[in-house]
PDB file of N, CA and C in Angstrom:
ATOM      1  N   MET A   1      19.932  14.105  28.657  1.00  0.00           N
ATOM      2  CA  MET A   1      19.721  15.001  27.534  1.00  0.00           C
ATOM      3  C   MET A   1      19.366  14.170  26.294  1.00  0.00           C
ATOM      4  N   SER A   2      18.484  14.695  25.500  1.00  0.00           N
ATOM      5  CA  SER A   2      18.057  14.016  24.279  1.00  0.00           C
ATOM      6  C   SER A   2      19.212  13.949  23.280  1.00  0.00           C
ATOM      7  N   PRO A   3      19.346  12.798  22.563  1.00  0.00           N
ATOM      8  CA  PRO A   3      20.427  12.710  21.573  1.00  0.00           C
ATOM      9  C   PRO A   3      20.259  13.710  20.427  1.00  0.00           C
ATOM     10  N   ILE A   4      19.029  14.147  20.154  1.00  0.00           N
ATOM     11  CA  ILE A   4      18.804  15.132  19.090  1.00  0.00           C
ATOM     12  C   ILE A   4      19.393  16.484  19.483  1.00  0.00           C
ATOM     13  N   LEU A   5      19.320  16.799  20.784  1.00  0.00           N
ATOM     14  CA  LEU A   5      19.821  18.083  21.261  1.00  0.00           C
ATOM     15  C   LEU A   5      21.279  18.016  21.699  1.00  0.00           C
ATOM     16  N   ALA A   6      21.834  16.817  21.758  1.00  0.00           N
ATOM     17  CA  ALA A   6      23.207  16.670  22.231  1.00  0.00           C
ATOM     18  C   ALA A   6      24.168  17.362  21.280  1.00  0.00           C
ATOM     19  N   SER A   7      25.249  17.863  21.842  1.00  0.00           N
ATOM     20  CA  SER A   7      26.209  18.593  21.015  1.00  0.00           C
ATOM     21  C   SER A   7      27.342  17.701  20.523  1.00  0.00           C
ATOM     22  N   GLY A   8      27.334  16.441  20.867  1.00  0.00           N
ATOM     23  CA  GLY A   8      28.408  15.539  20.457  1.00  0.00           C
ATOM     24  C   GLY A   8      28.201  14.987  19.067  1.00  0.00           C
ATOM     25  N   ARG A   9      29.029  14.002  18.736  1.00  0.00           N
ATOM     26  CA  ARG A   9      29.002  13.391  17.410  1.00  0.00           C
ATOM     27  C   ARG A   9      27.680  12.670  17.134  1.00  0.00           C
ATOM     28  N   ALA A  10      27.153  11.966  18.130  1.00  0.00           N
ATOM     29  CA  ALA A  10      25.886  11.238  17.945  1.00  0.00           C
ATOM     30  C   ALA A  10      24.733  12.207  17.691  1.00  0.00           C
ATOM     31  N   GLY A  11      24.695  13.311  18.419  1.00  0.00           N
ATOM     32  CA  GLY A  11      23.642  14.299  18.214  1.00  0.00           C
ATOM     33  C   GLY A  11      23.693  14.924  16.834  1.00  0.00           C
ATOM     34  N   ASN A  12      24.897  15.248  16.391  1.00  0.00           N
ATOM     35  CA  ASN A  12      25.046  15.810  15.041  1.00  0.00           C
ATOM     36  C   ASN A  12      24.606  14.816  13.981  1.00  0.00           C
ATOM     37  N   PHE A  13      24.941  13.551  14.165  1.00  0.00           N
ATOM     38  CA  PHE A  13      24.570  12.513  13.208  1.00  0.00           C
ATOM     39  C   PHE A  13      23.048  12.354  13.156  1.00  0.00           C
ATOM     40  N   LEU A  14      22.392  12.269  14.308  1.00  0.00           N
ATOM     41  CA  LEU A  14      20.944  12.125  14.337  1.00  0.00           C
ATOM     42  C   LEU A  14      20.250  13.357  13.757  1.00  0.00           C
ATOM     43  N   ARG A  15      20.768  14.530  14.059  1.00  0.00           N
ATOM     44  CA  ARG A  15      20.206  15.763  13.509  1.00  0.00           C
ATOM     45  C   ARG A  15      20.314  15.783  11.990  1.00  0.00           C
ATOM     46  N   SER A  16      21.455  15.361  11.472  1.00  0.00           N
ATOM     47  CA  SER A  16      21.635  15.356  10.011  1.00  0.00           C
ATOM     48  C   SER A  16      20.715  14.336   9.353  1.00  0.00           C
ATOM     49  N   LEU A  17      20.515  13.171   9.965  1.00  0.00           N
ATOM     50  CA  LEU A  17      19.583  12.186   9.407  1.00  0.00           C
ATOM     51  C   LEU A  17      18.155  12.712   9.405  1.00  0.00           C
ATOM     52  N   LEU A  18      17.790  13.390  10.453  1.00  0.00           N
ATOM     53  CA  LEU A  18      16.452  13.964  10.533  1.00  0.00           C
ATOM     54  C   LEU A  18      16.247  15.042   9.467  1.00  0.00           C
ATOM     55  N   ILE A  19      17.223  15.886   9.282  1.00  0.00           N
ATOM     56  CA  ILE A  19      17.131  16.932   8.255  1.00  0.00           C
ATOM     57  C   ILE A  19      17.061  16.326   6.860  1.00  0.00           C
ATOM     58  N   ILE A  20      17.869  15.302   6.595  1.00  0.00           N
ATOM     59  CA  ILE A  20      17.832  14.642   5.282  1.00  0.00           C
ATOM     60  C   ILE A  20      16.471  14.012   5.033  1.00  0.00           C
ATOM     61  N   ALA A  21      15.897  13.362   6.033  1.00  0.00           N
ATOM     62  CA  ALA A  21      14.578  12.735   5.876  1.00  0.00           C
ATOM     63  C   ALA A  21      13.506  13.780   5.565  1.00  0.00           C
ATOM     64  N   VAL A  22      13.534  14.890   6.251  1.00  0.00           N
ATOM     65  CA  VAL A  22      12.551  15.955   6.003  1.00  0.00           C
ATOM     66  C   VAL A  22      12.728  16.528   4.599  1.00  0.00           C
ATOM     67  N   LEU A  23      13.962  16.729   4.171  1.00  0.00           N
ATOM     68  CA  LEU A  23      14.214  17.245   2.820  1.00  0.00           C
ATOM     69  C   LEU A  23      13.745  16.276   1.745  1.00  0.00           C
ATOM     70  N   VAL A  24      14.005  14.992   1.925  1.00  0.00           N
ATOM     71  CA  VAL A  24      13.589  13.986   0.939  1.00  0.00           C
ATOM     72  C   VAL A  24      12.073  13.957   0.820  1.00  0.00           C
ATOM     73  N   LEU A  25      11.373  13.928   1.939  1.00  0.00           N
ATOM     74  CA  LEU A  25       9.905  13.906   1.886  1.00  0.00           C
ATOM     75  C   LEU A  25       9.333  15.176   1.276  1.00  0.00           C
ATOM     76  N   THR A  26       9.922  16.308   1.587  1.00  0.00           N
ATOM     77  CA  THR A  26       9.447  17.571   1.016  1.00  0.00           C
ATOM     78  C   THR A  26       9.689  17.622  -0.487  1.00  0.00           C
ATOM     79  N   MET A  27      10.883  17.257  -0.911  1.00  0.00           N
ATOM     80  CA  MET A  27      11.200  17.302  -2.345  1.00  0.00           C
ATOM     81  C   MET A  27      10.380  16.282  -3.131  1.00  0.00           C
ATOM     82  N   ARG A  28      10.093  15.124  -2.545  1.00  0.00           N
ATOM     83  CA  ARG A  28       9.265  14.128  -3.222  1.00  0.00           C
ATOM     84  C   ARG A  28       7.865  14.699  -3.461  1.00  0.00           C
ATOM     85  N   THR A  29       7.305  15.337  -2.456  1.00  0.00           N
ATOM     86  CA  THR A  29       5.980  15.925  -2.610  1.00  0.00           C
ATOM     87  C   THR A  29       5.986  17.037  -3.644  1.00  0.00           C
ATOM     88  N   VAL A  30       6.994  17.877  -3.630  1.00  0.00           N
ATOM     89  CA  VAL A  30       7.101  18.961  -4.616  1.00  0.00           C
ATOM     90  C   VAL A  30       7.214  18.385  -6.022  1.00  0.00           C
ATOM     91  N   TYR A  31       8.035  17.347  -6.202  1.00  0.00           N
ATOM     92  CA  TYR A  31       8.188  16.719  -7.518  1.00  0.00           C
ATOM     93  C   TYR A  31       6.867  16.132  -8.001  1.00  0.00           C
ATOM     94  N   LEU A  32       6.169  15.423  -7.130  1.00  0.00           N
ATOM     95  CA  LEU A  32       4.909  14.818  -7.542  1.00  0.00           C
ATOM     96  C   LEU A  32       3.878  15.878  -7.906  1.00  0.00           C
ATOM     97  N   LEU A  33       3.827  16.942  -7.152  1.00  0.00           N
ATOM     98  CA  LEU A  33       2.883  18.008  -7.479  1.00  0.00           C
ATOM     99  C   LEU A  33       3.255  18.703  -8.783  1.00  0.00           C
ATOM    100  N   TRP A  34       4.543  18.868  -9.046  1.00  0.00           N
ATOM    101  CA  TRP A  34       4.988  19.558 -10.257  1.00  0.00           C
ATOM    102  C   TRP A  34       4.820  18.686 -11.491  1.00  0.00           C
ATOM    103  N   PHE A  35       5.254  17.414 -11.430  1.00  0.00           N
ATOM    104  CA  PHE A  35       5.256  16.578 -12.626  1.00  0.00           C
ATOM    105  C   PHE A  35       3.912  15.901 -12.865  1.00  0.00           C
ATOM    106  N   PHE A  36       3.316  15.344 -11.823  1.00  0.00           N
ATOM    107  CA  PHE A  36       2.077  14.596 -11.996  1.00  0.00           C
ATOM    108  C   PHE A  36       0.839  15.393 -11.607  1.00  0.00           C
ATOM    109  N   HIS A  37       1.011  16.593 -11.094  1.00  0.00           N
ATOM    110  CA  HIS A  37      -0.106  17.433 -10.667  1.00  0.00           C
ATOM    111  C   HIS A  37      -0.971  16.727  -9.635  1.00  0.00           C
ATOM    112  N   THR A  38      -0.352  15.930  -8.789  1.00  0.00           N
ATOM    113  CA  THR A  38      -1.106  15.245  -7.747  1.00  0.00           C
ATOM    114  C   THR A  38      -0.228  15.067  -6.526  1.00  0.00           C
ATOM    115  N   PRO A  39      -0.770  15.175  -5.334  1.00  0.00           N
ATOM    116  CA  PRO A  39       0.015  14.877  -4.149  1.00  0.00           C
ATOM    117  C   PRO A  39       0.225  13.382  -4.007  1.00  0.00           C
ATOM    118  N   ALA A  40       1.147  13.011  -3.168  1.00  0.00           N
ATOM    119  CA  ALA A  40       1.516  11.606  -3.029  1.00  0.00           C
ATOM    120  C   ALA A  40       0.422  10.763  -2.402  1.00  0.00           C
ATOM    121  N   TRP A  41      -0.499  11.357  -1.690  1.00  0.00           N
ATOM    122  CA  TRP A  41      -1.466  10.562  -0.951  1.00  0.00           C
ATOM    123  C   TRP A  41      -2.732  10.254  -1.745  1.00  0.00           C
ATOM    124  N   THR A  42      -2.832  10.669  -2.979  1.00  0.00           N
ATOM    125  CA  THR A  42      -3.999  10.320  -3.784  1.00  0.00           C
ATOM    126  C   THR A  42      -3.633   9.247  -4.789  1.00  0.00           C
ATOM    127  N   SER A  43      -4.566   8.363  -5.072  1.00  0.00           N
ATOM    128  CA  SER A  43      -4.292   7.279  -6.008  1.00  0.00           C
ATOM    129  C   SER A  43      -4.943   7.515  -7.362  1.00  0.00           C
ATOM    130  N   ARG A  44      -5.607   8.659  -7.549  1.00  0.00           N
ATOM    131  CA  ARG A  44      -6.309   8.915  -8.793  1.00  0.00           C
ATOM    132  C   ARG A  44      -6.016  10.309  -9.308  1.00  0.00           C
ATOM    133  N   PRO A  45      -4.817  10.530  -9.824  1.00  0.00           N
ATOM    134  CA  PRO A  45      -4.524  11.856 -10.373  1.00  0.00           C
ATOM    135  C   PRO A  45      -5.410  12.153 -11.579  1.00  0.00           C
ATOM    136  N   HIS A  46      -5.597  13.418 -11.874  1.00  0.00           N
ATOM    137  CA  HIS A  46      -6.458  13.811 -12.996  1.00  0.00           C
ATOM    138  C   HIS A  46      -5.808  13.557 -14.343  1.00  0.00           C
ATOM    139  N   ASP A  47      -4.483  13.622 -14.406  1.00  0.00           N
ATOM    140  CA  ASP A  47      -3.798  13.333 -15.659  1.00  0.00           C
ATOM    141  C   ASP A  47      -2.455  12.680 -15.357  1.00  0.00           C
ATOM    142  N   ILE A  48      -1.996  11.896 -16.321  1.00  0.00           N
ATOM    143  CA  ILE A  48      -0.741  11.153 -16.198  1.00  0.00           C
ATOM    144  C   ILE A  48       0.065  11.406 -17.459  1.00  0.00           C
ATOM    145  N   ARG A  49       1.354  11.633 -17.308  1.00  0.00           N
ATOM    146  CA  ARG A  49       2.234  11.810 -18.463  1.00  0.00           C
ATOM    147  C   ARG A  49       2.867  10.464 -18.807  1.00  0.00           C
ATOM    148  N   TYR A  50       2.690  10.043 -20.056  1.00  0.00           N
ATOM    149  CA  TYR A  50       3.269   8.787 -20.510  1.00  0.00           C
ATOM    150  C   TYR A  50       3.408   8.833 -22.024  1.00  0.00           C
ATOM    151  N   CYS A  51       4.440   8.232 -22.543  1.00  0.00           N
ATOM    152  CA  CYS A  51       4.634   8.070 -23.985  1.00  0.00           C
ATOM    153  C   CYS A  51       4.688   9.432 -24.693  1.00  0.00           C
ATOM    154  N   GLY A  52       5.266  10.422 -24.048  1.00  0.00           N
ATOM    155  CA  GLY A  52       5.419  11.729 -24.662  1.00  0.00           C
ATOM    156  C   GLY A  52       4.169  12.576 -24.687  1.00  0.00           C
ATOM    157  N   GLY A  53       3.109  12.144 -24.027  1.00  0.00           N
ATOM    158  CA  GLY A  53       1.871  12.910 -24.026  1.00  0.00           C
ATOM    159  C   GLY A  53       1.154  12.775 -22.702  1.00  0.00           C
ATOM    160  N   TRP A  54      -0.042  13.328 -22.651  1.00  0.00           N
ATOM    161  CA  TRP A  54      -0.821  13.308 -21.425  1.00  0.00           C
ATOM    162  C   TRP A  54      -2.063  12.457 -21.593  1.00  0.00           C
ATOM    163  N   TYR A  55      -2.391  11.765 -20.535  1.00  0.00           N
ATOM    164  CA  TYR A  55      -3.608  10.957 -20.465  1.00  0.00           C
ATOM    165  C   TYR A  55      -4.486  11.544 -19.368  1.00  0.00           C
ATOM    166  N   GLU A  56      -5.761  11.773 -19.678  1.00  0.00           N
ATOM    167  CA  GLU A  56      -6.692  12.329 -18.708  1.00  0.00           C
ATOM    168  C   GLU A  56      -7.590  11.233 -18.162  1.00  0.00           C
ATOM    169  N   ARG A  57      -7.928  11.366 -16.899  1.00  0.00           N
ATOM    170  CA  ARG A  57      -8.815  10.387 -16.271  1.00  0.00           C
ATOM    171  C   ARG A  57     -10.187  10.470 -16.927  1.00  0.00           C
ATOM    172  N   ALA A  58     -10.716   9.327 -17.326  1.00  0.00           N
ATOM    173  CA  ALA A  58     -12.032   9.281 -17.961  1.00  0.00           C
ATOM    174  C   ALA A  58     -13.109   9.445 -16.899  1.00  0.00           C
ATOM    175  N   ASP A  59     -14.223  10.025 -17.289  1.00  0.00           N
ATOM    176  CA  ASP A  59     -15.341  10.236 -16.365  1.00  0.00           C
ATOM    177  C   ASP A  59     -16.226   9.004 -16.294  1.00  0.00           C
ATOM    178  N   THR A  60     -15.608   7.845 -16.179  1.00  0.00           N
ATOM    179  CA  THR A  60     -16.345   6.590 -16.077  1.00  0.00           C
ATOM    180  C   THR A  60     -16.068   5.976 -14.710  1.00  0.00           C
ATOM    181  N   PRO A  61     -16.960   5.144 -14.221  1.00  0.00           N
ATOM    182  CA  PRO A  61     -16.689   4.484 -12.943  1.00  0.00           C
ATOM    183  C   PRO A  61     -15.485   3.548 -13.063  1.00  0.00           C
ATOM    184  N   ASP A  62     -14.938   3.165 -11.927  1.00  0.00           N
ATOM    185  CA  ASP A  62     -13.812   2.234 -11.920  1.00  0.00           C
ATOM    186  C   ASP A  62     -14.218   0.925 -12.590  1.00  0.00           C
ATOM    187  N   VAL A  63     -13.260   0.286 -13.249  1.00  0.00           N
ATOM    188  CA  VAL A  63     -13.536  -0.941 -13.993  1.00  0.00           C
ATOM    189  C   VAL A  63     -12.751  -2.106 -13.397  1.00  0.00           C
ATOM    190  N   THR A  64     -13.201  -3.319 -13.722  1.00  0.00           N
ATOM    191  CA  THR A  64     -12.476  -4.517 -13.315  1.00  0.00           C
ATOM    192  C   THR A  64     -11.418  -4.835 -14.367  1.00  0.00           C
ATOM    193  N   GLY A  65     -10.584  -5.826 -14.077  1.00  0.00           N
ATOM    194  CA  GLY A  65      -9.543  -6.217 -15.026  1.00  0.00           C
ATOM    195  C   GLY A  65     -10.102  -6.689 -16.351  1.00  0.00           C
ATOM    196  N   SER A  66     -11.198  -7.457 -16.318  1.00  0.00           N
ATOM    197  CA  SER A  66     -11.772  -7.951 -17.577  1.00  0.00           C
ATOM    198  C   SER A  66     -12.368  -6.809 -18.397  1.00  0.00           C
ATOM    199  N   GLN A  67     -13.008  -5.849 -17.746  1.00  0.00           N
ATOM    200  CA  GLN A  67     -13.538  -4.690 -18.474  1.00  0.00           C
ATOM    201  C   GLN A  67     -12.404  -3.848 -19.055  1.00  0.00           C
ATOM    202  N   ALA A  68     -11.305  -3.731 -18.322  1.00  0.00           N
ATOM    203  CA  ALA A  68     -10.153  -2.967 -18.830  1.00  0.00           C
ATOM    204  C   ALA A  68      -9.561  -3.654 -20.056  1.00  0.00           C
ATOM    205  N   ARG A  69      -9.432  -4.978 -20.017  1.00  0.00           N
ATOM    206  CA  ARG A  69      -8.911  -5.707 -21.191  1.00  0.00           C
ATOM    207  C   ARG A  69      -9.839  -5.565 -22.384  1.00  0.00           C
ATOM    208  N   ARG A  70     -11.129  -5.585 -22.144  1.00  0.00           N
ATOM    209  CA  ARG A  70     -12.097  -5.417 -23.226  1.00  0.00           C
ATOM    210  C   ARG A  70     -11.994  -4.008 -23.826  1.00  0.00           C
ATOM    211  N   THR A  71     -11.861  -2.994 -22.977  1.00  0.00           N
ATOM    212  CA  THR A  71     -11.738  -1.609 -23.458  1.00  0.00           C
ATOM    213  C   THR A  71     -10.452  -1.409 -24.250  1.00  0.00           C
ATOM    214  N   ALA A  72      -9.338  -1.977 -23.734  1.00  0.00           N
ATOM    215  CA  ALA A  72      -8.042  -1.775 -24.382  1.00  0.00           C
ATOM    216  C   ALA A  72      -7.891  -2.631 -25.634  1.00  0.00           C
ATOM    217  N   GLY A  73      -8.583  -3.742 -25.703  1.00  0.00           N
ATOM    218  CA  GLY A  73      -8.500  -4.596 -26.883  1.00  0.00           C
ATOM    219  C   GLY A  73      -7.459  -5.688 -26.781  1.00  0.00           C
ATOM    220  N   GLY A  74      -7.038  -6.055 -25.601  1.00  0.00           N
ATOM    221  CA  GLY A  74      -6.063  -7.135 -25.444  1.00  0.00           C
ATOM    222  C   GLY A  74      -5.536  -7.196 -24.023  1.00  0.00           C
ATOM    223  N   ASP A  75      -4.583  -8.091 -23.824  1.00  0.00           N
ATOM    224  CA  ASP A  75      -3.997  -8.258 -22.498  1.00  0.00           C
ATOM    225  C   ASP A  75      -3.256  -6.999 -22.065  1.00  0.00           C
ATOM    226  N   LEU A  76      -3.303  -6.749 -20.778  1.00  0.00           N
ATOM    227  CA  LEU A  76      -2.650  -5.568 -20.209  1.00  0.00           C
ATOM    228  C   LEU A  76      -1.308  -5.962 -19.609  1.00  0.00           C
ATOM    229  N   LYS A  77      -0.351  -5.079 -19.732  1.00  0.00           N
ATOM    230  CA  LYS A  77       0.936  -5.277 -19.069  1.00  0.00           C
ATOM    231  C   LYS A  77       1.372  -3.956 -18.453  1.00  0.00           C
ATOM    232  N   ALA A  78       2.192  -4.041 -17.415  1.00  0.00           N
ATOM    233  CA  ALA A  78       2.650  -2.837 -16.738  1.00  0.00           C
ATOM    234  C   ALA A  78       3.533  -2.027 -17.672  1.00  0.00           C
ATOM    235  N   VAL A  79       3.265  -0.734 -17.764  1.00  0.00           N
ATOM    236  CA  VAL A  79       4.065   0.141 -18.616  1.00  0.00           C
ATOM    237  C   VAL A  79       4.802   1.207 -17.815  1.00  0.00           C
ATOM    238  N   MET A  80       4.347   1.491 -16.597  1.00  0.00           N
ATOM    239  CA  MET A  80       5.027   2.462 -15.734  1.00  0.00           C
ATOM    240  C   MET A  80       4.447   2.354 -14.335  1.00  0.00           C
ATOM    241  N   ARG A  81       4.948   3.172 -13.428  1.00  0.00           N
ATOM    242  CA  ARG A  81       4.396   3.249 -12.084  1.00  0.00           C
ATOM    243  C   ARG A  81       3.704   4.593 -11.936  1.00  0.00           C
ATOM    244  N   SER A  82       2.609   4.587 -11.182  1.00  0.00           N
ATOM    245  CA  SER A  82       1.885   5.832 -10.954  1.00  0.00           C
ATOM    246  C   SER A  82       2.590   6.664  -9.890  1.00  0.00           C
ATOM    247  N   PRO A  83       2.141   7.896  -9.690  1.00  0.00           N
ATOM    248  CA  PRO A  83       2.780   8.741  -8.683  1.00  0.00           C
ATOM    249  C   PRO A  83       2.763   8.150  -7.284  1.00  0.00           C
ATOM    250  N   VAL A  84       1.851   7.273  -6.997  1.00  0.00           N
ATOM    251  CA  VAL A  84       1.790   6.675  -5.672  1.00  0.00           C
ATOM    252  C   VAL A  84       2.287   5.237  -5.698  1.00  0.00           C
ATOM    253  N   LEU A  85       3.153   4.942  -6.640  1.00  0.00           N
ATOM    254  CA  LEU A  85       3.832   3.650  -6.744  1.00  0.00           C
ATOM    255  C   LEU A  85       2.880   2.493  -6.956  1.00  0.00           C
ATOM    256  N   ARG A  86       1.840   2.716  -7.722  1.00  0.00           N
ATOM    257  CA  ARG A  86       0.947   1.638  -8.134  1.00  0.00           C
ATOM    258  C   ARG A  86       1.113   1.449  -9.626  1.00  0.00           C
ATOM    259  N   PRO A  87       0.958   0.214 -10.108  1.00  0.00           N
ATOM    260  CA  PRO A  87       1.229  -0.020 -11.529  1.00  0.00           C
ATOM    261  C   PRO A  87       0.212   0.632 -12.460  1.00  0.00           C
ATOM    262  N   ILE A  88       0.733   1.166 -13.550  1.00  0.00           N
ATOM    263  CA  ILE A  88      -0.097   1.647 -14.655  1.00  0.00           C
ATOM    264  C   ILE A  88       0.026   0.598 -15.745  1.00  0.00           C
ATOM    265  N   THR A  89      -1.101   0.074 -16.213  1.00  0.00           N
ATOM    266  CA  THR A  89      -1.077  -0.982 -17.214  1.00  0.00           C
ATOM    267  C   THR A  89      -1.708  -0.484 -18.506  1.00  0.00           C
ATOM    268  N   ALA A  90      -1.342  -1.143 -19.602  1.00  0.00           N
ATOM    269  CA  ALA A  90      -1.902  -0.783 -20.902  1.00  0.00           C
ATOM    270  C   ALA A  90      -1.722  -1.953 -21.853  1.00  0.00           C
ATOM    271  N   HIS A  91      -2.532  -1.978 -22.900  1.00  0.00           N
ATOM    272  CA  HIS A  91      -2.361  -2.928 -24.000  1.00  0.00           C
ATOM    273  C   HIS A  91      -1.505  -2.234 -25.040  1.00  0.00           C
ATOM    274  N   ARG A  92      -0.289  -2.729 -25.223  1.00  0.00           N
ATOM    275  CA  ARG A  92       0.647  -2.080 -26.147  1.00  0.00           C
ATOM    276  C   ARG A  92       1.380  -3.146 -26.961  1.00  0.00           C
ATOM    277  N   PRO A  93       0.753  -3.676 -28.013  1.00  0.00           N
ATOM    278  CA  PRO A  93       1.382  -4.737 -28.799  1.00  0.00           C
ATOM    279  C   PRO A  93       2.491  -4.242 -29.721  1.00  0.00           C
ATOM    280  N   SER A  94       2.522  -2.952 -29.996  1.00  0.00           N
ATOM    281  CA  SER A  94       3.540  -2.413 -30.903  1.00  0.00           C
ATOM    282  C   SER A  94       4.228  -1.240 -30.237  1.00  0.00           C
ATOM    283  N   SER A  95       5.019  -0.512 -30.995  1.00  0.00           N
ATOM    284  CA  SER A  95       5.712   0.653 -30.436  1.00  0.00           C
ATOM    285  C   SER A  95       4.808   1.880 -30.358  1.00  0.00           C
ATOM    286  N   ALA A  96       3.588   1.776 -30.881  1.00  0.00           N
ATOM    287  CA  ALA A  96       2.664   2.911 -30.838  1.00  0.00           C
ATOM    288  C   ALA A  96       2.186   3.143 -29.407  1.00  0.00           C
ATOM    289  N   CYS A  97       1.856   4.381 -29.109  1.00  0.00           N
ATOM    290  CA  CYS A  97       1.355   4.710 -27.775  1.00  0.00           C
ATOM    291  C   CYS A  97      -0.075   4.180 -27.620  1.00  0.00           C
ATOM    292  N   PRO A  98      -0.390   3.610 -26.474  1.00  0.00           N
ATOM    293  CA  PRO A  98      -1.744   3.075 -26.283  1.00  0.00           C
ATOM    294  C   PRO A  98      -2.778   4.186 -26.157  1.00  0.00           C
ATOM    295  N   GLN A  99      -4.018   3.874 -26.505  1.00  0.00           N
ATOM    296  CA  GLN A  99      -5.112   4.838 -26.388  1.00  0.00           C
ATOM    297  C   GLN A  99      -5.568   4.976 -24.938  1.00  0.00           C
ATOM    298  N   TYR A 100      -5.520   3.874 -24.189  1.00  0.00           N
ATOM    299  CA  TYR A 100      -6.000   3.856 -22.809  1.00  0.00           C
ATOM    300  C   TYR A 100      -4.910   3.371 -21.866  1.00  0.00           C
ATOM    301  N   LEU A 101      -4.857   3.954 -20.686  1.00  0.00           N
ATOM    302  CA  LEU A 101      -4.041   3.477 -19.574  1.00  0.00           C
ATOM    303  C   LEU A 101      -4.980   3.150 -18.426  1.00  0.00           C
ATOM    304  N   PHE A 102      -4.562   2.213 -17.587  1.00  0.00           N
ATOM    305  CA  PHE A 102      -5.375   1.822 -16.446  1.00  0.00           C
ATOM    306  C   PHE A 102      -4.500   1.826 -15.201  1.00  0.00           C
ATOM    307  N   ALA A 103      -4.902   2.583 -14.195  1.00  0.00           N
ATOM    308  CA  ALA A 103      -4.166   2.658 -12.938  1.00  0.00           C
ATOM    309  C   ALA A 103      -4.850   1.751 -11.931  1.00  0.00           C
ATOM    310  N   LYS A 104      -4.083   0.845 -11.377  1.00  0.00           N
ATOM    311  CA  LYS A 104      -4.631  -0.093 -10.399  1.00  0.00           C
ATOM    312  C   LYS A 104      -4.802   0.621  -9.064  1.00  0.00           C
ATOM    313  N   VAL A 105      -6.015   0.553  -8.510  1.00  0.00           N
ATOM    314  CA  VAL A 105      -6.274   1.204  -7.226  1.00  0.00           C
ATOM    315  C   VAL A 105      -6.626   0.211  -6.127  1.00  0.00           C
ATOM    316  N   SER A 106      -6.920  -1.024  -6.468  1.00  0.00           N
ATOM    317  CA  SER A 106      -7.085  -2.091  -5.488  1.00  0.00           C
ATOM    318  C   SER A 106      -6.899  -3.414  -6.210  1.00  0.00           C
ATOM    319  N   LYS A 107      -7.302  -4.518  -5.595  1.00  0.00           N
ATOM    320  CA  LYS A 107      -6.952  -5.837  -6.130  1.00  0.00           C
ATOM    321  C   LYS A 107      -7.358  -6.019  -7.600  1.00  0.00           C
ATOM    322  N   ASP A 108      -8.588  -5.746  -7.932  1.00  0.00           N
ATOM    323  CA  ASP A 108      -9.031  -5.883  -9.324  1.00  0.00           C
ATOM    324  C   ASP A 108      -9.881  -4.676  -9.727  1.00  0.00           C
ATOM    325  N   VAL A 109      -9.432  -3.499  -9.348  1.00  0.00           N
ATOM    326  CA  VAL A 109     -10.140  -2.261  -9.681  1.00  0.00           C
ATOM    327  C   VAL A 109      -9.154  -1.303 -10.331  1.00  0.00           C
ATOM    328  N   TYR A 110      -9.552  -0.767 -11.488  1.00  0.00           N
ATOM    329  CA  TYR A 110      -8.686   0.126 -12.259  1.00  0.00           C
ATOM    330  C   TYR A 110      -9.410   1.419 -12.570  1.00  0.00           C
ATOM    331  N   VAL A 111      -8.644   2.515 -12.622  1.00  0.00           N
ATOM    332  CA  VAL A 111      -9.152   3.804 -13.096  1.00  0.00           C
ATOM    333  C   VAL A 111      -8.694   3.942 -14.544  1.00  0.00           C
ATOM    334  N   THR A 112      -9.595   4.382 -15.395  1.00  0.00           N
ATOM    335  CA  THR A 112      -9.317   4.482 -16.828  1.00  0.00           C
ATOM    336  C   THR A 112      -8.800   5.872 -17.183  1.00  0.00           C
ATOM    337  N   TYR A 113      -7.746   5.908 -17.998  1.00  0.00           N
ATOM    338  CA  TYR A 113      -7.197   7.167 -18.526  1.00  0.00           C
ATOM    339  C   TYR A 113      -7.200   7.087 -20.041  1.00  0.00           C
ATOM    340  N   ARG A 114      -7.589   8.173 -20.688  1.00  0.00           N
ATOM    341  CA  ARG A 114      -7.651   8.235 -22.148  1.00  0.00           C
ATOM    342  C   ARG A 114      -6.647   9.240 -22.652  1.00  0.00           C
ATOM    343  N   ALA A 115      -5.996   8.946 -23.764  1.00  0.00           N
ATOM    344  CA  ALA A 115      -5.010   9.870 -24.359  1.00  0.00           C
ATOM    345  C   ALA A 115      -5.713  11.155 -24.772  1.00  0.00           C
ATOM    346  N   THR A 116      -5.081  12.280 -24.455  1.00  0.00           N
ATOM    347  CA  THR A 116      -5.675  13.573 -24.835  1.00  0.00           C
ATOM    348  C   THR A 116      -5.328  13.869 -26.281  1.00  0.00           C
ATOM    349  N   ASP A 117      -6.194  14.624 -26.922  1.00  0.00           N
ATOM    350  CA  ASP A 117      -5.960  15.020 -28.316  1.00  0.00           C
ATOM    351  C   ASP A 117      -5.210  16.336 -28.321  1.00  0.00           C
ATOM    352  N   ASP A 118      -3.907  16.273 -28.611  1.00  0.00           N
ATOM    353  CA  ASP A 118      -3.082  17.489 -28.639  1.00  0.00           C
ATOM    354  C   ASP A 118      -2.967  18.039 -30.029  1.00  0.00           C
TER     355      ASP A 118
END
């Protein structure tokens, strides 16, 4: 008999682990869709919430690290993680919110996000 279907202690334990895993994955997806408006399997959400506001993806092609530094006006440092656990970088020399965020999508390729005018 399969341990998942077993009525003993081991079967109950495996069943509970399986249920917890399904709940965690479901709730993670629901959270990402609710907060970031993107599913977990995409690396380029349309907007990102950071610094008390929203940043929208710019309609520009992906940029390299040097182009991102030139656009931002200085060195980039990680400021948060994206919904798919990739670093979001920005040039932030002061406490002011940066104008641009850059989401890393591969080794030296970034997607540009611009602060929305609220």
